[in-house]
C-alpha atoms as a PDB file:
ATOM      1  CA  MET A   1      -9.980 -22.453  47.966  1.00  0.00           C
ATOM      2  CA  TRP A   2      -8.671 -20.091  50.617  1.00  0.00           C
ATOM      3  CA  SER A   3     -12.467 -19.928  52.263  1.00  0.00           C
ATOM      4  CA  GLU A   4     -13.572 -22.887  51.760  1.00  0.00           C
ATOM      5  CA  ASN A   5     -10.857 -24.668  53.397  1.00  0.00           C
ATOM      6  CA  CYS A   6     -11.339 -21.845  55.904  1.00  0.00           C
ATOM      7  CA  ARG A   7     -15.081 -22.963  56.793  1.00  0.00           C
ATOM      8  CA  ARG A   8     -13.968 -26.508  56.651  1.00  0.00           C
ATOM      9  CA  MET A   9     -11.098 -25.976  59.721  1.00  0.00           C
ATOM     10  CA  MET A  10     -14.505 -23.717  60.961  1.00  0.00           C
ATOM     11  CA  LYS A  11     -16.394 -26.574  61.556  1.00  0.00           C
ATOM     12  CA  GLY A  12     -13.465 -28.868  62.758  1.00  0.00           C
ATOM     13  CA  TYR A  13     -12.929 -31.487  59.495  1.00  0.00           C
ATOM     14  CA  GLU A  14      -9.357 -31.613  58.763  1.00  0.00           C
ATOM     15  CA  PRO A  15      -8.873 -29.495  55.325  1.00  0.00           C
ATOM     16  CA  LYS A  16      -8.780 -30.223  51.925  1.00  0.00           C
ATOM     17  CA  GLU A  17      -6.248 -29.038  50.779  1.00  0.00           C
ATOM     18  CA  LEU A  18      -2.157 -29.059  53.212  1.00  0.00           C
ATOM     19  CA  THR A  19      -1.689 -26.366  55.147  1.00  0.00           C
ATOM     20  CA  MET A  20       1.227 -24.580  56.792  1.00  0.00           C
ATOM     21  CA  ILE A  21       0.829 -23.960  60.605  1.00  0.00           C
ATOM     22  CA  GLY A  22       1.042 -20.239  60.821  1.00  0.00           C
ATOM     23  CA  GLU A  23      -2.537 -20.692  58.284  1.00  0.00           C
ATOM     24  CA  GLN A  24      -3.424 -23.091  60.670  1.00  0.00           C
ATOM     25  CA  VAL A  25      -2.760 -21.234  63.680  1.00  0.00           C
ATOM     26  CA  PHE A  26      -4.471 -18.062  61.610  1.00  0.00           C
ATOM     27  CA  TYR A  27      -7.872 -19.556  60.897  1.00  0.00           C
ATOM     28  CA  MET A  28      -7.962 -20.397  65.233  1.00  0.00           C
ATOM     29  CA  LEU A  29      -8.090 -17.191  65.899  1.00  0.00           C
ATOM     30  CA  LEU A  30      -9.731 -16.187  63.836  1.00  0.00           C
ATOM     31  CA  CYS A  31     -12.242 -18.356  65.512  1.00  0.00           C
ATOM     32  CA  LEU A  32     -11.497 -16.621  69.162  1.00  0.00           C
ATOM     33  CA  ARG A  33     -12.261 -13.517  67.657  1.00  0.00           C
ATOM     34  CA  TYR A  34     -15.360 -13.860  66.432  1.00  0.00           C
ATOM     35  CA  GLY A  35     -16.475 -16.478  69.167  1.00  0.00           C
ATOM     36  CA  LEU A  36     -15.222 -13.613  71.201  1.00  0.00           C
ATOM     37  CA  LYS A  37     -17.144 -11.008  69.312  1.00  0.00           C
ATOM     38  CA  ILE A  38     -20.322 -12.585  69.874  1.00  0.00           C
ATOM     39  CA  GLU A  39     -19.330 -13.110  73.102  1.00  0.00           C
ATOM     40  CA  ALA A  40     -19.619  -8.911  73.936  1.00  0.00           C
ATOM     41  CA  MET A  41     -23.015  -9.030  72.293  1.00  0.00           C
ATOM     42  CA  ARG A  42     -24.082 -11.253  74.508  1.00  0.00           C
ATOM     43  CA  VAL A  43     -22.919  -9.431  78.013  1.00  0.00           C
ATOM     44  CA  TRP A  44     -23.800  -6.055  76.382  1.00  0.00           C
ATOM     45  CA  ARG A  45     -27.375  -7.553  75.119  1.00  0.00           C
ATOM     46  CA  ARG A  46     -27.537  -8.213  79.224  1.00  0.00           C
ATOM     47  CA  ILE A  47     -25.950  -4.832  80.768  1.00  0.00           C
ATOM     48  CA  SER A  48     -28.695  -2.616  78.477  1.00  0.00           C
ATOM     49  CA  ARG A  49     -31.906  -4.862  78.709  1.00  0.00           C
ATOM     50  CA  LYS A  50     -30.649  -4.168  82.907  1.00  0.00           C
ATOM     51  CA  LEU A  51     -29.762  -0.446  82.343  1.00  0.00           C
ATOM     52  CA  VAL A  52     -32.947   0.443  80.981  1.00  0.00           C
ATOM     53  CA  GLY A  53     -35.215  -2.503  83.559  1.00  0.00           C
ATOM     54  CA  LYS A  54     -34.454   0.251  85.348  1.00  0.00           C
ATOM     55  CA  ASP A  55     -35.521   2.977  84.120  1.00  0.00           C
ATOM     56  CA  LYS A  56     -38.930   2.244  83.839  1.00  0.00           C
END
């Protein structure tokens, strides 16, 4: 049930089971972590494209 609650909260829905505040904070931090990781990958791609473009 943990993974289902996690998925529901990441999508913005209420969890099926009652969750403690600590668990909700954990889910929010997990979303933030993955969001920052995705953004860092986008920035890295932009930088690497610019570097490769200058070498040609």
